[in-house]
Each structure stands twice: as structure tokens, then as C-alpha cells.
Amino acid sequence: MKVIYPRVKVNSARRVYVTFYQNNKRYRLFNGSKINSEIYPNSYPIAKRMEMGNLLASEVYQFLISDLTLEQLKVSNLIKPNMTDKDYLTVALNNKLKENYTKKYKEMLQFIFNKLIDKLNDSPIQSLHIEGVLNKYNSESSYNTYRLRLCSLINEAIKIGMTSNPMQGIKSKKTNAQMHKCYNELQPVLDEIKAYNFNLYQCCLMTYGCLLRPHREIRELTWSDFSDDLKYIHLSGNRNKSGRNRIVPVPSYVRGILVKGNPKDNIFSGKPQPLNQDYFKTLWSRFKRQSNLLELGQTLYSFRHSGAIEIFKRTGSITKLQKAMGHSSINVSLTYLRGLEIAELTESDMPRVLDINNI
């Protein structure tokens, strides 16, 4: 295969990088660490960076004509002769755990890895091993979630040299749309929650009024996330599901229950550390058992869904709903509305009966 010589470029911050393609994938290297080179162009004065960038490009070219890939080089010191599938999966897991994924995602990877390894011993991995792990989950949602995690691990193992692909032929299960039933009478439920636990009440009100997700985005809020007048919440991309910076308006009925504390403190714990990740999940489960008002299908997330319906019915704007919910695209919002069972057709859209006397 013909190797195209890498190009040296400069970005808007005047940082030099080398760009090239390998296996139809584009790469950008700002230094030589990934190819075991000690050239770091951007550690030099600006006037000398392009010269060092050209030296890095030369070393990248030598790497490209060696027929190694970045993935192989990344794990070459971990690859040993006569590795079993179990060994490859172990390396793959360790690679994944080093990446910038959420704690929950990493815990799920570790969990499903342990389940698979228990079935493997030292035998080659086969589809029946995968099916043996997944078929223990009766829920289609759980089955599909863990299937995706296994796909992620096995694809990583294949990158570094595992020859089999036991995921072939194992398809996801079709799931029926699930709807968090919205609250038709919101105030009585909020009053009941307020009487039960104020933290839970505050979380529910913010889930509805600010459309934030309760278990992470709201639970981890500190007072420094609010503007000085408490009218806005500022969340960086690593603090919310969309991965984008968000500025969320805080309605007056939410501001009315907030008592601002130390900027570094969590708004619920009063300390720099947030409450544990299952805090609101546990509170909601206990409240649900003693509630006289909750209906089947109504959850903590139903407050967010109720807020979404309120916005869409009032504005009729899918774009505004997308921004309010923090969705990455309008397509996500459209899917969300279908799950909420908002009618997309009205009576006036339906076929009319023709007057047969005038035909």
C-alpha cells in the first residue's frame, strides 16, 4: 500500500501537529509519544515549532512504512507469545479502564468481563460463551446494554491481536417503547414529597423546572455552578450526558427554595463531596412505597418528562425543546417525544368524509 508522507500543520493556538492517514483513519499527533519518539514540537519556542514538526513528520513516516499500526504499538509491550483469548480480553479491559469513560461505564465493563471470564477458563472464546452470559438477563434492555459492553471489549481485543469474533450472529433484542408516565396533577405529588424529604423535593422540582437529570447532573451540583443571582446553572461538558457545555435557566419557583452556601460545597451535602450516587434512587424507592398518590409507571424521571411536555405544548418548538433538554440533536428530541406519546396528528389532519351527493 502506498504511504503518503505526513503533513505538518498549525492550529489557531499556534500549536504544531502532524496529520496522516492509516487504514483510512485520520490521525493528528501533537508529539511523538504514540510512536515512541521523544520529539515534542510544542515544548519549543513558537519560531522553532515548525522545524521540530518536520522532524516529527519524518519519524511518523518511518513508522508508517514499518507496517505497524498505532493500536499495535500502543499495546506492543503488553502482547506476549501464545496469548489465550482470556489474556487478550484482560489487556482489552485494562485499556478501556484507562480511557476517559464514566465510573458507571467502567464498572459495567468490569462486571461483564468477570461474568465472561468465569465461563471461559482457558478455552477459546465462542458464541455459546457470550450467549451463556447474556441469556441470564430476561430484560431486553439489560440484555442489549451488556451486549454492547461485550462488543466494546471484544472489538478492543481484536484490535490487539485476538483472531476470533464470537459476537458475530448475536443480535440485539427488540425492545418495546417504555414511557415514564407523566404527572397530570403535579402539585399534590410535590407537596407529598416535600413533607417526606426536602432534599428529594428539591431534586424533583429542579428535575421538572431545570430539566436536568437527577442522579448525576443535579446530585453533583455545587453553589459555584450557579450564577451569583441563582438565575442560571452553568454545567461543563464533562458534567452532563450530552458532553457539551450547558447554561440552564433556573425558574423563580426553584430559586425560591435555594439557600446559597459556600461556592465549593455541594448543594445537598453542604460539603465539597456530593452524596453517594444511589442517594436519590434509594430515597425515591422508599418514598414510592409509602406514597398515596403515585401511579404505576411514574418515576423520578417523570418530572423531567413532564417538564418536556409542558415546554413542547406551550412553545410547539422542537428546537427549544432540544436546547432545554440538552439533547445532542433534534433527532434525539424527536425520539424522546415519541416515547412520551405526544400526539403528532390532530383531528384536523385526518381524512374527511366526502359529500357523495356532490360527486
Protein backbone atom coordinates (compact mmCIF):
# COMPACT_ATOMS: atom_id res chain seq x y z
CA MET A 1 0.00 0.00 0.00
CA LYS A 2 1.30 3.44 -0.92
CA VAL A 3 2.25 5.55 2.10
CA ILE A 4 1.56 9.28 1.82
CA TYR A 5 4.06 11.49 3.58
CA PRO A 6 2.56 13.16 6.69
CA ARG A 7 1.70 16.86 6.64
CA VAL A 8 2.70 19.43 9.25
CA LYS A 9 0.07 21.98 10.26
CA VAL A 10 -0.52 24.72 12.84
CA ASN A 11 -3.80 25.26 14.67
CA SER A 12 -5.34 28.54 15.86
CA ALA A 13 -3.45 28.30 19.16
CA ARG A 14 -0.18 28.14 17.15
CA ARG A 15 0.38 24.53 18.18
CA VAL A 16 2.09 22.39 15.58
CA TYR A 17 0.82 18.91 14.75
CA VAL A 18 1.39 16.15 12.20
CA THR A 19 -1.59 14.73 10.34
CA PHE A 20 -1.72 11.46 8.41
CA TYR A 21 -3.99 8.56 7.45
CA GLN A 22 -3.61 4.92 8.42
CA ASN A 23 -6.15 2.26 7.44
CA ASN A 24 -8.47 5.04 6.17
CA LYS A 25 -8.49 6.72 9.58
CA ARG A 26 -7.12 10.22 10.09
CA TYR A 27 -4.73 10.89 12.97
CA ARG A 28 -3.27 14.08 14.42
CA LEU A 29 -0.15 13.87 16.60
CA PHE A 30 0.99 16.89 18.61
CA ASN A 31 4.02 14.97 19.87
CA GLY A 32 5.83 11.69 19.27
CA SER A 33 4.77 9.78 22.38
CA LYS A 34 2.42 7.44 20.49
CA ILE A 35 5.19 6.28 18.15
CA ASN A 36 7.86 6.10 20.87
CA SER A 37 9.50 9.30 19.70
CA GLU A 38 10.88 11.96 22.04
CA ILE A 39 10.05 14.88 19.75
CA TYR A 40 7.65 17.39 21.36
CA PRO A 41 7.42 20.35 18.93
CA ASN A 42 5.18 22.49 21.13
CA SER A 43 7.65 22.47 24.00
CA TYR A 44 9.88 24.72 21.84
CA PRO A 45 9.55 28.48 21.17
CA ILE A 46 6.96 29.29 18.53
CA ALA A 47 9.57 30.18 15.91
CA LYS A 48 11.16 26.72 16.16
CA ARG A 49 7.99 24.60 16.33
CA MET A 50 7.55 24.13 12.58
CA GLU A 51 11.14 22.87 12.25
CA MET A 52 10.54 20.31 15.01
CA GLY A 53 7.21 19.43 13.45
CA ASN A 54 9.00 18.47 10.23
CA LEU A 55 11.36 16.25 12.23
CA LEU A 56 8.34 14.59 13.83
CA ALA A 57 6.76 14.11 10.39
CA SER A 58 9.92 12.29 9.26
CA GLU A 59 9.71 9.90 12.22
CA VAL A 60 5.98 9.37 11.61
CA TYR A 61 6.79 8.44 8.00
CA GLN A 62 9.33 5.84 9.15
CA PHE A 63 6.69 4.46 11.47
CA LEU A 64 4.11 4.26 8.65
CA ILE A 65 6.38 2.32 6.29
CA SER A 66 7.10 -0.19 9.06
CA ASP A 67 3.51 -1.52 8.61
CA LEU A 68 2.77 -1.22 12.32
CA THR A 69 -0.47 0.41 13.45
CA LEU A 70 -0.89 2.82 16.34
CA GLU A 71 -3.13 0.28 18.09
CA GLN A 72 -0.47 -2.42 17.81
CA LEU A 73 2.25 -0.09 19.02
CA LYS A 74 0.10 1.07 21.91
CA VAL A 75 -0.10 -2.42 23.36
CA SER A 76 3.06 -4.00 21.93
CA ASN A 77 4.70 -4.14 25.34
CA LEU A 78 1.65 -5.98 26.70
CA ILE A 79 1.44 -8.58 23.93
CA LYS A 80 3.27 -11.83 24.59
CA PRO A 81 3.64 -15.09 22.63
CA ASN A 82 0.93 -17.75 22.91
CA MET A 83 -1.67 -15.48 24.48
CA THR A 84 -5.10 -17.00 25.10
CA ASP A 85 -8.39 -15.25 24.37
CA LYS A 86 -8.65 -14.64 28.10
CA ASP A 87 -5.28 -12.84 28.01
CA TYR A 88 -6.38 -10.64 25.10
CA LEU A 89 -9.62 -9.76 26.89
CA THR A 90 -7.69 -8.85 30.03
CA VAL A 91 -5.46 -6.47 28.09
CA ALA A 92 -8.53 -5.05 26.33
CA LEU A 93 -10.26 -4.40 29.65
CA ASN A 94 -7.20 -2.66 31.09
CA ASN A 95 -7.03 -0.43 28.00
CA LYS A 96 -10.67 0.51 28.38
CA LEU A 97 -10.34 1.25 32.08
CA LYS A 98 -7.57 3.75 31.32
CA GLU A 99 -9.81 5.73 28.96
CA ASN A 100 -11.91 8.74 29.93
CA TYR A 101 -15.19 6.88 30.48
CA THR A 102 -17.66 7.35 33.32
CA LYS A 103 -17.26 5.40 36.55
CA LYS A 104 -20.53 3.59 35.88
CA TYR A 105 -19.44 2.54 32.39
CA LYS A 106 -16.15 1.16 33.71
CA GLU A 107 -17.93 -0.72 36.48
CA MET A 108 -20.23 -2.35 33.92
CA LEU A 109 -17.25 -3.34 31.77
CA GLN A 110 -15.54 -4.93 34.76
CA PHE A 111 -18.75 -6.70 35.80
CA ILE A 112 -19.49 -8.26 32.41
CA PHE A 113 -15.81 -9.14 31.92
CA ASN A 114 -15.87 -11.10 35.19
CA LYS A 115 -19.04 -12.93 34.12
CA LEU A 116 -17.47 -13.91 30.79
CA ILE A 117 -14.13 -14.98 32.26
CA ASP A 118 -15.93 -17.28 34.72
CA LYS A 119 -17.31 -19.20 31.74
CA LEU A 120 -14.09 -19.26 29.72
CA ASN A 121 -11.42 -20.82 31.93
CA ASP A 122 -8.58 -21.12 29.34
CA SER A 123 -10.68 -22.27 26.39
CA PRO A 124 -11.06 -20.14 23.21
CA ILE A 125 -14.00 -17.81 23.39
CA GLN A 126 -17.06 -18.89 21.40
CA SER A 127 -20.55 -17.53 20.74
CA LEU A 128 -22.01 -20.01 23.22
CA HIS A 129 -19.98 -18.37 25.99
CA ILE A 130 -21.42 -14.97 25.07
CA GLU A 131 -24.95 -16.36 24.90
CA GLY A 132 -24.48 -18.06 28.27
CA VAL A 133 -23.72 -14.68 29.84
CA LEU A 134 -26.41 -12.65 28.07
CA ASN A 135 -29.26 -15.16 28.34
CA LYS A 136 -29.32 -14.71 32.10
CA TYR A 137 -30.96 -11.31 31.52
CA ASN A 138 -34.71 -11.50 30.91
CA SER A 139 -34.97 -7.76 30.36
CA GLU A 140 -34.38 -6.78 26.73
CA SER A 141 -32.83 -3.51 27.89
CA SER A 142 -30.31 -5.24 30.19
CA TYR A 143 -29.52 -7.83 27.51
CA ASN A 144 -28.79 -5.12 24.92
CA THR A 145 -26.77 -2.99 27.33
CA TYR A 146 -24.45 -5.82 28.32
CA ARG A 147 -24.22 -6.98 24.72
CA LEU A 148 -22.86 -3.54 23.80
CA ARG A 149 -20.31 -3.70 26.62
CA LEU A 150 -19.12 -7.13 25.44
CA CYS A 151 -18.89 -5.80 21.86
CA SER A 152 -16.69 -2.99 23.12
CA LEU A 153 -14.34 -5.37 24.96
CA ILE A 154 -14.12 -7.89 22.14
CA ASN A 155 -13.53 -5.25 19.45
CA GLU A 156 -10.66 -3.92 21.55
CA ALA A 157 -9.26 -7.46 21.94
CA ILE A 158 -9.47 -7.98 18.16
CA LYS A 159 -7.55 -4.72 17.59
CA ILE A 160 -4.63 -6.05 19.59
CA GLY A 161 -4.50 -9.49 18.03
CA MET A 162 -7.33 -11.81 19.07
CA THR A 163 -8.36 -13.70 15.95
CA SER A 164 -11.90 -14.86 16.80
CA ASN A 165 -15.04 -12.74 16.86
CA PRO A 166 -17.68 -14.55 18.95
CA MET A 167 -20.12 -11.63 18.69
CA GLN A 168 -20.95 -12.44 15.07
CA GLY A 169 -24.54 -13.55 14.78
CA ILE A 170 -25.50 -12.35 18.27
CA LYS A 171 -28.05 -9.61 17.63
CA SER A 172 -29.66 -7.15 19.97
CA LYS A 173 -33.19 -7.82 21.14
CA LYS A 174 -36.06 -5.66 20.01
CA THR A 175 -37.44 -3.63 22.89
CA ASN A 176 -40.88 -2.15 23.31
CA ALA A 177 -41.04 1.59 23.90
CA GLN A 178 -41.16 2.40 27.59
CA MET A 179 -42.76 5.59 28.82
CA HIS A 180 -42.19 7.32 32.13
CA LYS A 181 -45.78 8.24 32.92
CA CYS A 182 -46.10 11.98 33.37
CA TYR A 183 -47.81 13.77 36.25
CA ASN A 184 -51.22 15.16 35.41
CA GLU A 185 -51.59 16.59 38.94
CA LEU A 186 -48.07 17.75 39.72
CA GLN A 187 -48.57 19.95 42.80
CA PRO A 188 -50.12 17.32 45.12
CA VAL A 189 -47.27 14.91 44.39
CA LEU A 190 -44.69 17.63 45.04
CA ASP A 191 -46.42 18.52 48.32
CA GLU A 192 -46.32 14.88 49.39
CA ILE A 193 -42.61 14.64 48.53
CA LYS A 194 -41.84 17.89 50.38
CA ALA A 195 -43.45 16.51 53.51
CA TYR A 196 -41.41 13.31 53.15
CA ASN A 197 -37.91 14.68 52.44
CA PHE A 198 -36.82 18.18 51.46
CA ASN A 199 -33.72 17.06 49.52
CA LEU A 200 -35.88 14.79 47.38
CA TYR A 201 -38.40 17.61 46.92
CA GLN A 202 -35.65 19.98 45.79
CA CYS A 203 -34.30 17.36 43.37
CA CYS A 204 -37.76 16.70 41.88
CA LEU A 205 -38.53 20.40 41.49
CA MET A 206 -35.20 21.00 39.70
CA THR A 207 -35.69 17.91 37.53
CA TYR A 208 -39.00 19.39 36.40
CA GLY A 209 -38.10 23.08 36.29
CA CYS A 210 -34.48 22.91 35.05
CA LEU A 211 -34.82 19.66 33.05
CA LEU A 212 -31.58 18.32 34.49
CA ARG A 213 -31.02 14.62 35.10
CA PRO A 214 -31.40 13.83 38.80
CA HIS A 215 -28.85 11.14 39.57
CA ARG A 216 -25.74 12.93 38.36
CA GLU A 217 -26.35 16.42 36.98
CA ILE A 218 -28.48 17.55 39.94
CA ARG A 219 -26.88 15.40 42.66
CA GLU A 220 -23.40 16.76 41.87
CA LEU A 221 -24.37 20.46 41.72
CA THR A 222 -22.26 22.89 43.76
CA TRP A 223 -23.11 26.51 44.51
CA SER A 224 -20.33 27.60 42.15
CA ASP A 225 -22.35 26.08 39.28
CA PHE A 226 -24.96 28.82 39.83
CA SER A 227 -24.71 32.44 38.74
CA ASP A 228 -24.50 35.00 41.56
CA ASP A 229 -28.22 35.75 41.32
CA LEU A 230 -29.08 32.00 41.10
CA LYS A 231 -30.85 32.58 37.78
CA TYR A 232 -28.62 30.24 35.76
CA ILE A 233 -26.77 26.96 36.17
CA HIS A 234 -23.54 26.50 34.20
CA LEU A 235 -22.53 22.88 33.51
CA SER A 236 -19.35 21.95 31.66
CA GLY A 237 -19.38 19.14 29.10
CA ASN A 238 -17.87 16.60 31.49
CA ARG A 239 -20.72 17.17 33.93
CA ASN A 240 -23.66 16.28 31.68
CA LYS A 241 -24.71 13.46 29.38
CA SER A 242 -24.56 15.45 26.13
CA GLY A 243 -20.86 16.24 26.60
CA ARG A 244 -21.49 19.91 25.76
CA ASN A 245 -21.36 22.99 27.93
CA ARG A 246 -24.85 23.94 29.08
CA ILE A 247 -26.37 27.09 30.55
CA VAL A 248 -29.70 26.27 32.17
CA PRO A 249 -32.22 28.90 33.37
CA VAL A 250 -33.46 28.45 36.93
CA PRO A 251 -37.19 29.28 37.30
CA SER A 252 -38.28 31.57 40.16
CA TYR A 253 -40.14 28.74 41.93
CA VAL A 254 -36.84 26.84 42.13
CA ARG A 255 -34.82 29.87 43.22
CA GLY A 256 -37.34 30.41 46.00
CA ILE A 257 -36.23 27.23 47.80
CA LEU A 258 -32.47 27.70 47.33
CA VAL A 259 -30.31 28.96 50.19
CA LYS A 260 -26.88 29.71 48.76
CA GLY A 261 -23.90 28.28 50.58
CA ASN A 262 -20.12 28.05 50.19
CA PRO A 263 -19.22 28.06 46.45
CA LYS A 264 -17.26 24.80 46.70
CA ASP A 265 -19.97 22.94 48.62
CA ASN A 266 -22.47 20.54 47.13
CA ILE A 267 -26.00 21.97 47.38
CA PHE A 268 -27.33 18.84 49.13
CA SER A 269 -24.48 17.62 51.33
CA GLY A 270 -23.17 21.05 52.37
CA LYS A 271 -19.66 19.66 51.81
CA PRO A 272 -17.30 19.56 48.81
CA GLN A 273 -18.18 15.90 48.28
CA PRO A 274 -21.59 15.04 46.76
CA LEU A 275 -23.91 12.48 48.32
CA ASN A 276 -23.44 8.89 47.15
CA GLN A 277 -24.55 8.03 43.61
CA ASP A 278 -27.56 5.98 44.79
CA TYR A 279 -28.81 8.64 47.20
CA PHE A 280 -31.85 9.81 45.23
CA LYS A 281 -32.54 6.34 43.86
CA THR A 282 -32.80 4.99 47.42
CA LEU A 283 -34.87 7.94 48.64
CA TRP A 284 -37.30 7.58 45.74
CA SER A 285 -37.72 3.84 46.33
CA ARG A 286 -38.59 4.46 49.98
CA PHE A 287 -40.95 7.31 49.14
CA LYS A 288 -42.70 5.25 46.46
CA ARG A 289 -43.52 2.50 48.96
CA GLN A 290 -45.41 4.88 51.25
CA SER A 291 -46.91 7.29 48.69
CA ASN A 292 -50.68 7.52 48.30
CA LEU A 293 -50.54 9.49 45.04
CA LEU A 294 -48.00 7.85 42.72
CA GLU A 295 -49.42 5.89 39.79
CA LEU A 296 -47.90 2.90 38.04
CA GLY A 297 -45.10 4.00 35.70
CA GLN A 298 -44.43 7.32 37.45
CA THR A 299 -40.76 7.68 38.35
CA LEU A 300 -38.25 10.30 39.41
CA TYR A 301 -37.52 10.87 35.71
CA SER A 302 -41.23 11.51 35.12
CA PHE A 303 -40.66 15.04 36.45
CA ARG A 304 -38.23 15.69 33.60
CA HIS A 305 -40.62 14.19 31.10
CA SER A 306 -43.50 16.27 32.47
CA GLY A 307 -41.37 19.39 32.07
CA ALA A 308 -40.56 18.41 28.50
CA ILE A 309 -44.23 18.04 27.60
CA GLU A 310 -45.01 21.40 29.21
CA ILE A 311 -42.34 23.14 27.09
CA PHE A 312 -43.41 21.47 23.85
CA LYS A 313 -47.12 22.09 24.36
CA ARG A 314 -46.52 25.72 25.27
CA THR A 315 -43.99 26.58 22.55
CA GLY A 316 -44.61 23.96 19.85
CA SER A 317 -40.89 24.24 19.12
CA ILE A 318 -38.79 21.10 18.83
CA THR A 319 -35.66 23.31 18.65
CA LYS A 320 -36.41 24.93 22.00
CA LEU A 321 -37.14 21.53 23.49
CA GLN A 322 -33.80 20.23 22.21
CA LYS A 323 -31.94 23.13 23.85
CA ALA A 324 -33.87 22.82 27.11
CA MET A 325 -33.26 19.07 27.36
CA GLY A 326 -29.60 19.32 26.37
CA HIS A 327 -30.03 16.79 23.56
CA SER A 328 -27.18 16.41 21.08
CA SER A 329 -29.51 16.64 18.06
CA ILE A 330 -33.12 17.23 17.10
CA ASN A 331 -33.37 13.54 16.18
CA VAL A 332 -32.82 12.65 19.83
CA SER A 333 -35.60 15.02 20.84
CA LEU A 334 -37.97 13.55 18.25
CA THR A 335 -37.28 10.06 19.59
CA TYR A 336 -37.86 11.40 23.08
CA LEU A 337 -41.25 12.83 22.12
CA ARG A 338 -42.35 9.58 20.57
CA GLY A 339 -41.55 7.87 23.85
CA LEU A 340 -43.66 10.46 25.64
CA GLU A 341 -46.59 9.64 23.40
CA ILE A 342 -47.29 13.22 22.38
CA ALA A 343 -49.83 13.17 19.60
CA GLU A 344 -48.25 14.10 16.28
CA LEU A 345 -51.62 14.29 14.46
CA THR A 346 -54.80 16.18 15.35
CA GLU A 347 -58.35 15.57 14.20
CA SER A 348 -58.00 18.26 11.54
CA ASP A 349 -55.14 16.27 9.96
CA MET A 350 -57.27 13.16 9.49
CA PRO A 351 -59.22 12.18 6.30
CA ARG A 352 -62.57 13.88 5.84
CA VAL A 353 -65.80 12.22 4.70
CA LEU A 354 -66.70 13.29 1.19
CA ASP A 355 -70.20 14.52 0.42
CA ILE A 356 -71.23 11.77 -2.02
CA ASN A 357 -74.18 13.91 -3.25
CA ASN A 358 -71.73 16.40 -4.74
CA ILE A 359 -69.57 13.82 -6.51
